[in-house]
Amino acid sequence: MAAPSHAMDDIEAGHTPLIKPVRTPAAGVDKPILAATANLTQLLPSGTVMIYQMLASSFSNGGKCYSSNWYITMALLVVLSLSCFLFVLTDSLVHNGKLYYGVAICGRLNVLNLSKGEEAEEFSDILPELKKRRLRGQDLLHAFLVVLVFLAMALTDVGIQNCFFPNAGEEAQQLFRNLPLGITAFASVLFSIFPTRRKFIGTSNHTA
């Protein structure tokens, strides 16, 4: 195909023609969505996020979902949502130079991989601390928020959107674009008002 005459004139004159990039309608939406996703992942257990990033694209077949893709993707989201909920109820502590993990239950922090008798013997000097780390209503609020944040993050994935909402119109697209931003702000405010001191599984801060 012959080049346009004005482009040939520029080339002959020694000038490189300026090619302007084509701007798609979605280009202006990418930055806030990516920023929201980055903020969301900071509130989630890192292991859960990593598993989601590894499996979501393959399970959803890049958004071209068959029935099998729909079911396994739904199962993935349910399992990872439950893991988010449970991880937030965990805690860690350093005792005698060793790192221990536990699950907050009614009355105390239940240290993992230890029987009740072993726990009473090993942690006899810090039993008040274990009781202080018992399950509270605030923990359940945090767990609910983290699940909400995880699902909002999942909805930023185009493959997930196309898998579960293949016929979404412009109104639904606007919801997908703005929902992560709103949930990030909402969750951040509530986490600021009701902060948690738990160092749950998936965080890097494990100081005593």
Protein backbone atom coordinates (compact mmCIF):
# COMPACT_ATOMS: atom_id res chain seq x y z
CA MET A 1 0.00 0.00 0.00
CA ALA A 2 1.47 3.39 -0.98
CA ALA A 3 2.23 5.90 1.74
CA PRO A 4 0.11 9.09 1.80
CA SER A 5 1.60 11.95 -0.23
CA HIS A 6 2.06 14.23 2.80
CA ALA A 7 3.96 11.47 4.63
CA MET A 8 6.21 10.94 1.59
CA ASP A 9 6.90 14.69 1.46
CA ASP A 10 7.98 14.64 5.11
CA ILE A 11 10.28 11.66 4.54
CA GLU A 12 11.88 13.26 1.48
CA ALA A 13 12.40 16.47 3.43
CA GLY A 14 14.23 14.56 6.14
CA HIS A 15 11.45 14.76 8.74
CA THR A 16 10.10 11.72 10.60
CA PRO A 17 6.31 11.75 10.52
CA LEU A 18 4.72 11.88 13.95
CA ILE A 19 2.44 8.90 14.63
CA LYS A 20 -0.02 9.61 17.42
CA PRO A 21 -1.05 6.62 19.56
CA VAL A 22 -4.67 5.60 19.41
CA ARG A 23 -6.41 6.14 22.75
CA THR A 24 -9.02 3.54 23.55
CA PRO A 25 -12.02 4.36 25.77
CA ALA A 26 -10.72 2.04 28.51
CA ALA A 27 -7.28 3.67 28.66
CA GLY A 28 -8.43 6.39 31.03
CA VAL A 29 -9.83 3.82 33.44
CA ASP A 30 -6.76 1.59 33.80
CA LYS A 31 -4.76 3.77 36.20
CA PRO A 32 -7.36 4.23 38.94
CA ILE A 33 -8.34 0.55 38.72
CA LEU A 34 -4.73 -0.58 39.00
CA ALA A 35 -4.14 1.81 41.90
CA ALA A 36 -7.25 0.51 43.66
CA THR A 37 -6.14 -3.08 43.12
CA ALA A 38 -2.71 -2.32 44.61
CA ASN A 39 -4.33 -0.75 47.67
CA LEU A 40 -6.72 -3.66 48.05
CA THR A 41 -4.00 -6.30 48.01
CA GLN A 42 -2.22 -4.57 50.91
CA LEU A 43 -5.20 -5.41 53.13
CA LEU A 44 -5.23 -9.12 52.20
CA PRO A 45 -3.21 -12.17 53.29
CA SER A 46 -0.32 -12.41 50.84
CA GLY A 47 -0.67 -16.17 50.35
CA THR A 48 -4.30 -15.86 49.32
CA VAL A 49 -3.48 -13.10 46.83
CA MET A 50 -0.63 -15.15 45.35
CA ILE A 51 -2.83 -18.24 44.86
CA TYR A 52 -5.53 -16.08 43.27
CA GLN A 53 -3.06 -14.49 40.86
CA MET A 54 -1.66 -17.91 39.92
CA LEU A 55 -4.98 -19.65 39.27
CA ALA A 56 -7.69 -17.11 38.42
CA SER A 57 -6.70 -16.47 34.80
CA SER A 58 -6.37 -20.17 34.00
CA PHE A 59 -9.53 -21.23 35.84
CA SER A 60 -11.63 -18.55 34.14
CA ASN A 61 -10.02 -19.30 30.75
CA GLY A 62 -9.28 -15.61 30.31
CA GLY A 63 -12.99 -14.82 30.51
CA LYS A 64 -14.09 -17.34 27.86
CA CYS A 65 -15.91 -19.49 30.39
CA TYR A 66 -17.37 -22.89 29.70
CA SER A 67 -19.58 -24.48 32.36
CA SER A 68 -16.57 -26.24 33.90
CA ASN A 69 -14.64 -22.94 34.06
CA TRP A 70 -17.57 -21.25 35.76
CA TYR A 71 -17.80 -23.88 38.50
CA ILE A 72 -14.09 -24.15 39.26
CA THR A 73 -13.71 -20.36 39.25
CA MET A 74 -16.63 -20.03 41.65
CA ALA A 75 -15.09 -22.74 43.87
CA LEU A 76 -11.78 -20.86 43.82
CA LEU A 77 -13.42 -17.61 44.93
CA VAL A 78 -15.38 -19.36 47.71
CA VAL A 79 -12.33 -21.22 49.06
CA LEU A 80 -10.11 -18.12 48.96
CA SER A 81 -12.83 -16.01 50.61
CA LEU A 82 -13.01 -18.54 53.45
CA SER A 83 -9.23 -18.54 53.74
CA CYS A 84 -9.23 -14.74 54.01
CA PHE A 85 -11.83 -14.93 56.78
CA LEU A 86 -9.90 -17.57 58.74
CA PHE A 87 -6.45 -16.03 58.26
CA VAL A 88 -7.61 -12.76 59.78
CA LEU A 89 -8.59 -14.67 62.95
CA THR A 90 -5.05 -16.00 63.31
CA ASP A 91 -2.25 -14.35 65.25
CA SER A 92 1.46 -14.85 65.82
CA LEU A 93 3.76 -14.32 68.76
CA VAL A 94 7.42 -14.84 69.55
CA HIS A 95 8.10 -16.77 72.77
CA ASN A 96 11.55 -17.90 73.94
CA GLY A 97 12.98 -17.01 70.56
CA LYS A 98 10.49 -19.11 68.56
CA LEU A 99 7.64 -17.96 66.35
CA TYR A 100 4.23 -19.48 67.06
CA TYR A 101 0.92 -19.16 65.25
CA GLY A 102 -2.48 -19.43 66.81
CA VAL A 103 -6.19 -19.02 66.14
CA ALA A 104 -8.29 -16.63 68.21
CA ILE A 105 -11.13 -18.48 69.90
CA CYS A 106 -13.52 -17.58 72.71
CA GLY A 107 -11.47 -17.02 75.85
CA ARG A 108 -7.91 -17.27 74.49
CA LEU A 109 -5.53 -17.62 71.58
CA ASN A 110 -5.27 -21.31 70.68
CA VAL A 111 -1.66 -22.02 69.69
CA LEU A 112 -1.45 -24.31 66.65
CA ASN A 113 0.22 -27.73 66.75
CA LEU A 114 0.09 -27.90 70.55
CA SER A 115 -2.36 -29.69 72.79
CA LYS A 116 -4.09 -27.78 75.56
CA GLY A 117 -1.78 -29.37 78.14
CA GLU A 118 1.37 -28.60 76.13
CA GLU A 119 0.15 -25.07 75.60
CA ALA A 120 -0.41 -24.55 79.35
CA GLU A 121 3.08 -25.90 80.08
CA GLU A 122 4.97 -24.07 77.32
CA PHE A 123 3.18 -20.73 77.80
CA SER A 124 2.54 -20.79 81.55
CA ASP A 125 4.37 -17.49 81.99
CA ILE A 126 2.33 -15.64 79.33
CA LEU A 127 -1.15 -17.16 79.77
CA PRO A 128 -2.61 -13.67 80.46
CA GLU A 129 -1.28 -12.58 77.05
CA LEU A 130 -2.97 -15.57 75.38
CA LYS A 131 -6.24 -14.71 77.10
CA LYS A 132 -5.90 -11.09 76.03
CA ARG A 133 -5.68 -12.21 72.40
CA ARG A 134 -9.06 -13.97 72.53
CA LEU A 135 -11.66 -13.64 69.79
CA ARG A 136 -13.50 -10.31 69.82
CA GLY A 137 -16.31 -8.79 67.82
CA GLN A 138 -13.80 -6.47 66.18
CA ASP A 139 -11.99 -9.50 64.72
CA LEU A 140 -15.18 -10.65 63.01
CA LEU A 141 -15.65 -7.16 61.56
CA HIS A 142 -12.10 -7.24 60.18
CA ALA A 143 -12.65 -10.72 58.74
CA PHE A 144 -15.85 -9.59 56.99
CA LEU A 145 -14.10 -6.52 55.57
CA VAL A 146 -11.18 -8.55 54.27
CA VAL A 147 -13.56 -10.93 52.46
CA LEU A 148 -15.33 -7.92 50.97
CA VAL A 149 -11.99 -6.47 49.86
CA PHE A 150 -10.95 -9.77 48.29
CA LEU A 151 -14.16 -10.04 46.27
CA ALA A 152 -13.79 -6.43 45.13
CA MET A 153 -10.24 -7.18 44.00
CA ALA A 154 -11.49 -10.24 42.10
CA LEU A 155 -14.04 -8.08 40.28
CA THR A 156 -11.26 -5.88 38.90
CA ASP A 157 -10.12 -8.88 36.82
CA VAL A 158 -11.58 -8.64 33.31
CA GLY A 159 -11.54 -12.42 32.98
CA ILE A 160 -13.66 -12.79 36.14
CA GLN A 161 -16.04 -10.11 34.89
CA ASN A 162 -16.49 -11.81 31.53
CA CYS A 163 -16.89 -15.22 33.14
CA PHE A 164 -19.65 -14.28 35.59
CA PHE A 165 -21.17 -11.29 33.78
CA PRO A 166 -20.69 -11.97 30.05
CA ASN A 167 -23.55 -9.69 28.99
CA ALA A 168 -22.79 -6.79 31.31
CA GLY A 169 -23.81 -3.44 29.87
CA GLU A 170 -22.26 -0.02 30.28
CA GLU A 171 -23.99 0.50 33.64
CA ALA A 172 -22.43 -2.69 35.02
CA GLN A 173 -19.05 -1.70 33.60
CA GLN A 174 -19.27 1.58 35.48
CA LEU A 175 -19.96 -0.41 38.65
CA PHE A 176 -16.92 -2.63 38.07
CA ARG A 177 -14.75 0.46 37.56
CA ASN A 178 -15.89 2.33 40.66
CA LEU A 179 -16.67 -0.45 43.14
CA PRO A 180 -13.00 -1.24 43.97
CA LEU A 181 -12.32 2.45 44.57
CA GLY A 182 -15.30 2.76 46.91
CA ILE A 183 -14.54 -0.43 48.83
CA THR A 184 -10.88 0.56 49.23
CA ALA A 185 -11.88 3.89 50.77
CA PHE A 186 -14.60 2.29 52.94
CA ALA A 187 -12.36 -0.49 54.24
CA SER A 188 -9.42 1.86 54.85
CA VAL A 189 -11.59 4.18 56.94
CA LEU A 190 -12.97 1.32 59.03
CA PHE A 191 -9.51 -0.19 59.52
CA SER A 192 -8.32 3.23 60.70
CA ILE A 193 -11.21 3.59 63.14
CA PHE A 194 -10.97 -0.03 64.36
CA PRO A 195 -7.31 -0.99 63.95
CA THR A 196 -6.14 -4.53 64.60
CA ARG A 197 -2.99 -5.51 66.46
CA ARG A 198 -3.08 -9.06 65.18
CA LYS A 199 -0.12 -10.25 63.11
CA PHE A 200 -2.07 -12.80 61.13
CA ILE A 201 -0.67 -15.43 58.79
CA GLY A 202 0.38 -13.74 55.58
CA THR A 203 1.94 -10.62 57.09
CA SER A 204 5.66 -9.94 57.35
CA ASN A 205 5.58 -8.24 60.76
CA HIS A 206 6.11 -10.89 63.41
CA THR A 207 7.74 -8.98 66.20
CA ALA A 208 6.78 -9.80 69.78
